[in-house]
Amino acid sequence: MRLAKVSHGHTFKKRMLLRFIRLVSRKEPPDVVKTLLYRPEFYGKPFSHLLQIALRGPSYWTVGERELFAAMTAKIEACHF
């Protein structure tokens, strides 16, 4: 389920960034990017910080193994990675 607000509720500056991403990649930006840009104070910085810790912080697993876990989880959940 997509929320229309997350797809279309961005500020002018962020809409221009999303338009640039579409132009350069010739694809629609992933929903996660739209969500991070929609509410950066909630989703952007805190969420990105947690991802950085999970994927790059101290661990018994290598960065590559953690990326593989994330890719497999995305595949199982039918998410675009």
PDB file of N, CA and C in Angstrom:
ATOM      1  N   MET A   1       0.840  -1.171   0.000  1.00  0.00           N
ATOM      2  CA  MET A   1       0.000   0.000   0.000  1.00  0.00           C
ATOM      3  C   MET A   1       0.891   1.241   0.000  1.00  0.00           C
ATOM      4  N   ARG A   2       0.636   2.145  -0.890  1.00  0.00           N
ATOM      5  CA  ARG A   2       1.377   3.403  -0.942  1.00  0.00           C
ATOM      6  C   ARG A   2       0.488   4.533  -0.462  1.00  0.00           C
ATOM      7  N   LEU A   3       1.062   5.399   0.330  1.00  0.00           N
ATOM      8  CA  LEU A   3       0.334   6.580   0.763  1.00  0.00           C
ATOM      9  C   LEU A   3       0.553   7.684  -0.255  1.00  0.00           C
ATOM     10  N   ALA A   4      -0.516   8.287  -0.723  1.00  0.00           N
ATOM     11  CA  ALA A   4      -0.416   9.342  -1.730  1.00  0.00           C
ATOM     12  C   ALA A   4       0.442  10.496  -1.224  1.00  0.00           C
ATOM     13  N   LYS A   5       0.354  10.789   0.066  1.00  0.00           N
ATOM     14  CA  LYS A   5       1.122  11.888   0.633  1.00  0.00           C
ATOM     15  C   LYS A   5       2.626  11.657   0.473  1.00  0.00           C
ATOM     16  N   VAL A   6       3.068  10.417   0.641  1.00  0.00           N
ATOM     17  CA  VAL A   6       4.493  10.093   0.498  1.00  0.00           C
ATOM     18  C   VAL A   6       4.912  10.171  -0.962  1.00  0.00           C
ATOM     19  N   SER A   7       4.016   9.865  -1.870  1.00  0.00           N
ATOM     20  CA  SER A   7       4.343   9.926  -3.295  1.00  0.00           C
ATOM     21  C   SER A   7       4.271  11.339  -3.854  1.00  0.00           C
ATOM     22  N   HIS A   8       3.424  12.181  -3.288  1.00  0.00           N
ATOM     23  CA  HIS A   8       3.179  13.496  -3.897  1.00  0.00           C
ATOM     24  C   HIS A   8       3.237  14.667  -2.923  1.00  0.00           C
ATOM     25  N   GLY A   9       3.613  14.452  -1.678  1.00  0.00           N
ATOM     26  CA  GLY A   9       3.560  15.519  -0.684  1.00  0.00           C
ATOM     27  C   GLY A   9       4.884  16.190  -0.374  1.00  0.00           C
ATOM     28  N   HIS A  10       5.829  16.148  -1.291  1.00  0.00           N
ATOM     29  CA  HIS A  10       7.155  16.708  -1.037  1.00  0.00           C
ATOM     30  C   HIS A  10       7.199  18.218  -1.284  1.00  0.00           C
ATOM     31  N   THR A  11       8.184  18.849  -0.663  1.00  0.00           N
ATOM     32  CA  THR A  11       8.426  20.272  -0.909  1.00  0.00           C
ATOM     33  C   THR A  11       8.953  20.432  -2.339  1.00  0.00           C
ATOM     34  N   PHE A  12       8.959  21.660  -2.806  1.00  0.00           N
ATOM     35  CA  PHE A  12       9.419  21.942  -4.174  1.00  0.00           C
ATOM     36  C   PHE A  12      10.837  21.429  -4.404  1.00  0.00           C
ATOM     37  N   LYS A  13      11.730  21.726  -3.476  1.00  0.00           N
ATOM     38  CA  LYS A  13      13.136  21.306  -3.610  1.00  0.00           C
ATOM     39  C   LYS A  13      13.251  19.774  -3.719  1.00  0.00           C
ATOM     40  N   LYS A  14      12.505  19.063  -2.912  1.00  0.00           N
ATOM     41  CA  LYS A  14      12.573  17.593  -2.933  1.00  0.00           C
ATOM     42  C   LYS A  14      11.899  17.025  -4.180  1.00  0.00           C
ATOM     43  N   ARG A  15      10.840  17.695  -4.654  1.00  0.00           N
ATOM     44  CA  ARG A  15      10.221  17.269  -5.918  1.00  0.00           C
ATOM     45  C   ARG A  15      11.212  17.403  -7.062  1.00  0.00           C
ATOM     46  N   MET A  16      11.998  18.482  -7.046  1.00  0.00           N
ATOM     47  CA  MET A  16      13.009  18.677  -8.094  1.00  0.00           C
ATOM     48  C   MET A  16      14.101  17.607  -8.009  1.00  0.00           C
ATOM     49  N   LEU A  17      14.478  17.231  -6.793  1.00  0.00           N
ATOM     50  CA  LEU A  17      15.460  16.157  -6.616  1.00  0.00           C
ATOM     51  C   LEU A  17      14.910  14.836  -7.159  1.00  0.00           C
ATOM     52  N   LEU A  18      13.660  14.520  -6.835  1.00  0.00           N
ATOM     53  CA  LEU A  18      13.042  13.288  -7.343  1.00  0.00           C
ATOM     54  C   LEU A  18      12.926  13.324  -8.866  1.00  0.00           C
ATOM     55  N   ARG A  19      12.614  14.489  -9.411  1.00  0.00           N
ATOM     56  CA  ARG A  19      12.541  14.634 -10.868  1.00  0.00           C
ATOM     57  C   ARG A  19      13.916  14.386 -11.493  1.00  0.00           C
ATOM     58  N   PHE A  20      14.959  14.911 -10.861  1.00  0.00           N
ATOM     59  CA  PHE A  20      16.327  14.693 -11.345  1.00  0.00           C
ATOM     60  C   PHE A  20      16.685  13.206 -11.303  1.00  0.00           C
ATOM     61  N   ILE A  21      16.310  12.524 -10.223  1.00  0.00           N
ATOM     62  CA  ILE A  21      16.572  11.081 -10.115  1.00  0.00           C
ATOM     63  C   ILE A  21      15.869  10.338 -11.249  1.00  0.00           C
ATOM     64  N   ARG A  22      14.607  10.705 -11.524  1.00  0.00           N
ATOM     65  CA  ARG A  22      13.876  10.073 -12.639  1.00  0.00           C
ATOM     66  C   ARG A  22      14.574  10.316 -13.973  1.00  0.00           C
ATOM     67  N   LEU A  23      15.023  11.538 -14.175  1.00  0.00           N
ATOM     68  CA  LEU A  23      15.675  11.908 -15.427  1.00  0.00           C
ATOM     69  C   LEU A  23      16.973  11.136 -15.628  1.00  0.00           C
ATOM     70  N   VAL A  24      17.786  11.077 -14.605  1.00  0.00           N
ATOM     71  CA  VAL A  24      19.089  10.421 -14.711  1.00  0.00           C
ATOM     72  C   VAL A  24      18.955   8.901 -14.780  1.00  0.00           C
ATOM     73  N   SER A  25      18.117   8.328 -13.943  1.00  0.00           N
ATOM     74  CA  SER A  25      18.006   6.866 -13.887  1.00  0.00           C
ATOM     75  C   SER A  25      17.000   6.295 -14.876  1.00  0.00           C
ATOM     76  N   ARG A  26      16.130   7.178 -15.405  1.00  0.00           N
ATOM     77  CA  ARG A  26      15.049   6.749 -16.296  1.00  0.00           C
ATOM     78  C   ARG A  26      14.120   5.734 -15.637  1.00  0.00           C
ATOM     79  N   LYS A  27      14.013   5.858 -14.311  1.00  0.00           N
ATOM     80  CA  LYS A  27      13.125   5.007 -13.521  1.00  0.00           C
ATOM     81  C   LYS A  27      12.474   5.852 -12.443  1.00  0.00           C
ATOM     82  N   GLU A  28      11.395   5.337 -11.910  1.00  0.00           N
ATOM     83  CA  GLU A  28      10.754   5.964 -10.763  1.00  0.00           C
ATOM     84  C   GLU A  28      11.632   5.725  -9.534  1.00  0.00           C
ATOM     85  N   PRO A  29      11.885   6.759  -8.720  1.00  0.00           N
ATOM     86  CA  PRO A  29      12.686   6.546  -7.508  1.00  0.00           C
ATOM     87  C   PRO A  29      12.010   5.527  -6.590  1.00  0.00           C
ATOM     88  N   PRO A  30      12.790   4.718  -5.892  1.00  0.00           N
ATOM     89  CA  PRO A  30      12.202   3.732  -4.972  1.00  0.00           C
ATOM     90  C   PRO A  30      11.360   4.408  -3.891  1.00  0.00           C
ATOM     91  N   ASP A  31      10.354   3.695  -3.421  1.00  0.00           N
ATOM     92  CA  ASP A  31       9.474   4.233  -2.385  1.00  0.00           C
ATOM     93  C   ASP A  31      10.242   4.606  -1.120  1.00  0.00           C
ATOM     94  N   VAL A  32      11.283   3.850  -0.796  1.00  0.00           N
ATOM     95  CA  VAL A  32      12.050   4.166   0.408  1.00  0.00           C
ATOM     96  C   VAL A  32      12.701   5.538   0.284  1.00  0.00           C
ATOM     97  N   VAL A  33      13.151   5.911  -0.891  1.00  0.00           N
ATOM     98  CA  VAL A  33      13.744   7.242  -1.101  1.00  0.00           C
ATOM     99  C   VAL A  33      12.682   8.315  -0.909  1.00  0.00           C
ATOM    100  N   LYS A  34      11.505   8.090  -1.458  1.00  0.00           N
ATOM    101  CA  LYS A  34      10.414   9.064  -1.302  1.00  0.00           C
ATOM    102  C   LYS A  34      10.049   9.226   0.171  1.00  0.00           C
ATOM    103  N   THR A  35      10.040   8.121   0.914  1.00  0.00           N
ATOM    104  CA  THR A  35       9.705   8.174   2.329  1.00  0.00           C
ATOM    105  C   THR A  35      10.781   8.918   3.119  1.00  0.00           C
ATOM    106  N   LEU A  36      12.050   8.630   2.830  1.00  0.00           N
ATOM    107  CA  LEU A  36      13.140   9.309   3.530  1.00  0.00           C
ATOM    108  C   LEU A  36      13.112  10.810   3.274  1.00  0.00           C
ATOM    109  N   LEU A  37      12.763  11.201   2.056  1.00  0.00           N
ATOM    110  CA  LEU A  37      12.700  12.623   1.716  1.00  0.00           C
ATOM    111  C   LEU A  37      11.439  13.300   2.259  1.00  0.00           C
ATOM    112  N   TYR A  38      10.371  12.540   2.434  1.00  0.00           N
ATOM    113  CA  TYR A  38       9.100  13.130   2.871  1.00  0.00           C
ATOM    114  C   TYR A  38       9.187  13.678   4.301  1.00  0.00           C
ATOM    115  N   ARG A  39       9.717  12.898   5.209  1.00  0.00           N
ATOM    116  CA  ARG A  39       9.841  13.333   6.606  1.00  0.00           C
ATOM    117  C   ARG A  39      11.253  13.057   7.098  1.00  0.00           C
ATOM    118  N   PRO A  40      12.235  13.836   6.633  1.00  0.00           N
ATOM    119  CA  PRO A  40      13.623  13.552   6.994  1.00  0.00           C
ATOM    120  C   PRO A  40      13.898  13.615   8.495  1.00  0.00           C
ATOM    121  N   GLU A  41      13.148  14.438   9.218  1.00  0.00           N
ATOM    122  CA  GLU A  41      13.375  14.532  10.667  1.00  0.00           C
ATOM    123  C   GLU A  41      12.947  13.260  11.383  1.00  0.00           C
ATOM    124  N   PHE A  42      12.050  12.503  10.784  1.00  0.00           N
ATOM    125  CA  PHE A  42      11.575  11.256  11.389  1.00  0.00           C
ATOM    126  C   PHE A  42      12.174  10.045  10.698  1.00  0.00           C
ATOM    127  N   TYR A  43      12.010   9.976   9.380  1.00  0.00           N
ATOM    128  CA  TYR A  43      12.473   8.809   8.628  1.00  0.00           C
ATOM    129  C   TYR A  43      13.915   8.948   8.158  1.00  0.00           C
ATOM    130  N   GLY A  44      14.295  10.129   7.725  1.00  0.00           N
ATOM    131  CA  GLY A  44      15.585  10.326   7.083  1.00  0.00           C
ATOM    132  C   GLY A  44      16.780  10.076   7.977  1.00  0.00           C
ATOM    133  N   LYS A  45      17.071  11.030   8.834  1.00  0.00           N
ATOM    134  CA  LYS A  45      18.279  10.946   9.651  1.00  0.00           C
ATOM    135  C   LYS A  45      18.238   9.812  10.675  1.00  0.00           C
ATOM    136  N   PRO A  46      17.198   9.684  11.496  1.00  0.00           N
ATOM    137  CA  PRO A  46      17.195   8.591  12.486  1.00  0.00           C
ATOM    138  C   PRO A  46      17.225   7.206  11.833  1.00  0.00           C
ATOM    139  N   PHE A  47      16.428   7.019  10.795  1.00  0.00           N
ATOM    140  CA  PHE A  47      16.373   5.715  10.126  1.00  0.00           C
ATOM    141  C   PHE A  47      17.704   5.406   9.443  1.00  0.00           C
ATOM    142  N   SER A  48      18.268   6.395   8.763  1.00  0.00           N
ATOM    143  CA  SER A  48      19.552   6.204   8.096  1.00  0.00           C
ATOM    144  C   SER A  48      20.656   5.905   9.107  1.00  0.00           C
ATOM    145  N   HIS A  49      20.593   6.559  10.264  1.00  0.00           N
ATOM    146  CA  HIS A  49      21.574   6.294  11.312  1.00  0.00           C
ATOM    147  C   HIS A  49      21.473   4.844  11.798  1.00  0.00           C
ATOM    148  N   LEU A  50      20.260   4.369  12.017  1.00  0.00           N
ATOM    149  CA  LEU A  50      20.080   2.982  12.448  1.00  0.00           C
ATOM    150  C   LEU A  50      20.553   1.992  11.385  1.00  0.00           C
ATOM    151  N   LEU A  51      20.271   2.290  10.128  1.00  0.00           N
ATOM    152  CA  LEU A  51      20.756   1.416   9.054  1.00  0.00           C
ATOM    153  C   LEU A  51      22.270   1.401   9.004  1.00  0.00           C
ATOM    154  N   GLN A  52      22.886   2.544   9.187  1.00  0.00           N
ATOM    155  CA  GLN A  52      24.347   2.627   9.179  1.00  0.00           C
ATOM    156  C   GLN A  52      24.932   1.755  10.288  1.00  0.00           C
ATOM    157  N   ILE A  53      24.339   1.809  11.467  1.00  0.00           N
ATOM    158  CA  ILE A  53      24.802   0.980  12.586  1.00  0.00           C
ATOM    159  C   ILE A  53      24.619  -0.498  12.266  1.00  0.00           C
ATOM    160  N   ALA A  54      23.437  -0.851  11.747  1.00  0.00           N
ATOM    161  CA  ALA A  54      23.148  -2.259  11.470  1.00  0.00           C
ATOM    162  C   ALA A  54      24.024  -2.835  10.361  1.00  0.00           C
ATOM    163  N   LEU A  55      24.260  -2.050   9.321  1.00  0.00           N
ATOM    164  CA  LEU A  55      24.991  -2.575   8.172  1.00  0.00           C
ATOM    165  C   LEU A  55      26.493  -2.307   8.219  1.00  0.00           C
ATOM    166  N   ARG A  56      26.928  -1.322   8.991  1.00  0.00           N
ATOM    167  CA  ARG A  56      28.354  -0.980   8.990  1.00  0.00           C
ATOM    168  C   ARG A  56      28.997  -0.986  10.373  1.00  0.00           C
ATOM    169  N   GLY A  57      28.199  -1.128  11.416  1.00  0.00           N
ATOM    170  CA  GLY A  57      28.735  -1.106  12.774  1.00  0.00           C
ATOM    171  C   GLY A  57      29.447  -2.399  13.137  1.00  0.00           C
ATOM    172  N   PRO A  58      29.954  -2.480  14.365  1.00  0.00           N
ATOM    173  CA  PRO A  58      30.647  -3.692  14.810  1.00  0.00           C
ATOM    174  C   PRO A  58      29.721  -4.909  14.736  1.00  0.00           C
ATOM    175  N   SER A  59      30.271  -6.031  14.272  1.00  0.00           N
ATOM    176  CA  SER A  59      29.465  -7.238  14.126  1.00  0.00           C
ATOM    177  C   SER A  59      30.369  -8.440  13.904  1.00  0.00           C
ATOM    178  N   TYR A  60      29.825  -9.617  14.168  1.00  0.00           N
ATOM    179  CA  TYR A  60      30.541 -10.849  13.847  1.00  0.00           C
ATOM    180  C   TYR A  60      30.503 -11.108  12.343  1.00  0.00           C
ATOM    181  N   TRP A  61      29.498 -10.526  11.662  1.00  0.00           N
ATOM    182  CA  TRP A  61      29.349 -10.717  10.225  1.00  0.00           C
ATOM    183  C   TRP A  61      30.058  -9.610   9.462  1.00  0.00           C
ATOM    184  N   THR A  62      30.548  -9.937   8.287  1.00  0.00           N
ATOM    185  CA  THR A  62      31.187  -8.923   7.448  1.00  0.00           C
ATOM    186  C   THR A  62      30.114  -8.020   6.847  1.00  0.00           C
ATOM    187  N   VAL A  63      30.548  -6.885   6.309  1.00  0.00           N
ATOM    188  CA  VAL A  63      29.628  -5.970   5.637  1.00  0.00           C
ATOM    189  C   VAL A  63      28.939  -6.693   4.486  1.00  0.00           C
ATOM    190  N   GLY A  64      29.684  -7.482   3.725  1.00  0.00           N
ATOM    191  CA  GLY A  64      29.117  -8.228   2.600  1.00  0.00           C
ATOM    192  C   GLY A  64      28.040  -9.205   3.039  1.00  0.00           C
ATOM    193  N   GLU A  65      28.284  -9.900   4.156  1.00  0.00           N
ATOM    194  CA  GLU A  65      27.276 -10.833   4.664  1.00  0.00           C
ATOM    195  C   GLU A  65      26.010 -10.096   5.080  1.00  0.00           C
ATOM    196  N   ARG A  66      26.170  -8.958   5.718  1.00  0.00           N
ATOM    197  CA  ARG A  66      24.995  -8.184   6.150  1.00  0.00           C
ATOM    198  C   ARG A  66      24.226  -7.645   4.950  1.00  0.00           C
ATOM    199  N   GLU A  67      24.940  -7.218   3.918  1.00  0.00           N
ATOM    200  CA  GLU A  67      24.273  -6.771   2.685  1.00  0.00           C
ATOM    201  C   GLU A  67      23.516  -7.928   2.040  1.00  0.00           C
ATOM    202  N   LEU A  68      24.110  -9.105   2.075  1.00  0.00           N
ATOM    203  CA  LEU A  68      23.442 -10.284   1.519  1.00  0.00           C
ATOM    204  C   LEU A  68      22.176 -10.614   2.312  1.00  0.00           C
ATOM    205  N   PHE A  69      22.246 -10.508   3.635  1.00  0.00           N
ATOM    206  CA  PHE A  69      21.044 -10.717   4.459  1.00  0.00           C
ATOM    207  C   PHE A  69      19.950  -9.735   4.064  1.00  0.00           C
ATOM    208  N   ALA A  70      20.322  -8.480   3.882  1.00  0.00           N
ATOM    209  CA  ALA A  70      19.341  -7.453   3.499  1.00  0.00           C
ATOM    210  C   ALA A  70      18.751  -7.749   2.126  1.00  0.00           C
ATOM    211  N   ALA A  71      19.592  -8.179   1.187  1.00  0.00           N
ATOM    212  CA  ALA A  71      19.108  -8.496  -0.157  1.00  0.00           C
ATOM    213  C   ALA A  71      18.164  -9.692  -0.132  1.00  0.00           C
ATOM    214  N   MET A  72      18.506 -10.711   0.631  1.00  0.00           N
ATOM    215  CA  MET A  72      17.636 -11.897   0.719  1.00  0.00           C
ATOM    216  C   MET A  72      16.306 -11.555   1.392  1.00  0.00           C
ATOM    217  N   THR A  73      16.353 -10.737   2.427  1.00  0.00           N
ATOM    218  CA  THR A  73      15.120 -10.318   3.091  1.00  0.00           C
ATOM    219  C   THR A  73      14.237  -9.544   2.118  1.00  0.00           C
ATOM    220  N   ALA A  74      14.842  -8.648   1.340  1.00  0.00           N
ATOM    221  CA  ALA A  74      14.079  -7.887   0.352  1.00  0.00           C
ATOM    222  C   ALA A  74      13.464  -8.822  -0.683  1.00  0.00           C
ATOM    223  N   LYS A  75      14.208  -9.829  -1.123  1.00  0.00           N
ATOM    224  CA  LYS A  75      13.678 -10.778  -2.105  1.00  0.00           C
ATOM    225  C   LYS A  75      12.515 -11.574  -1.526  1.00  0.00           C
ATOM    226  N   ILE A  76      12.675 -12.059  -0.316  1.00  0.00           N
ATOM    227  CA  ILE A  76      11.614 -12.846   0.332  1.00  0.00           C
ATOM    228  C   ILE A  76      10.357 -12.004   0.514  1.00  0.00           C
ATOM    229  N   GLU A  77      10.535 -10.745   0.890  1.00  0.00           N
ATOM    230  CA  GLU A  77       9.407  -9.836   1.105  1.00  0.00           C
ATOM    231  C   GLU A  77       8.915  -9.169  -0.178  1.00  0.00           C
ATOM    232  N   ALA A  78       9.525  -9.522  -1.307  1.00  0.00           N
ATOM    233  CA  ALA A  78       9.163  -8.960  -2.616  1.00  0.00           C
ATOM    234  C   ALA A  78       9.323  -7.442  -2.656  1.00  0.00           C
ATOM    235  N   CYS A  79      10.401  -6.953  -2.036  1.00  0.00           N
ATOM    236  CA  CYS A  79      10.715  -5.527  -2.034  1.00  0.00           C
ATOM    237  C   CYS A  79      11.824  -5.275  -3.042  1.00  0.00           C
ATOM    238  N   HIS A  80      11.818  -4.109  -3.644  1.00  0.00           N
ATOM    239  CA  HIS A  80      12.938  -3.727  -4.499  1.00  0.00           C
ATOM    240  C   HIS A  80      14.082  -3.313  -3.604  1.00  0.00           C
ATOM    241  N   PHE A  81      15.260  -3.846  -3.842  1.00  0.00           N
ATOM    242  CA  PHE A  81      16.412  -3.542  -2.980  1.00  0.00           C
ATOM    243  C   PHE A  81      17.268  -2.500  -3.642  1.00  0.00           C
TER     244      PHE A  81
END
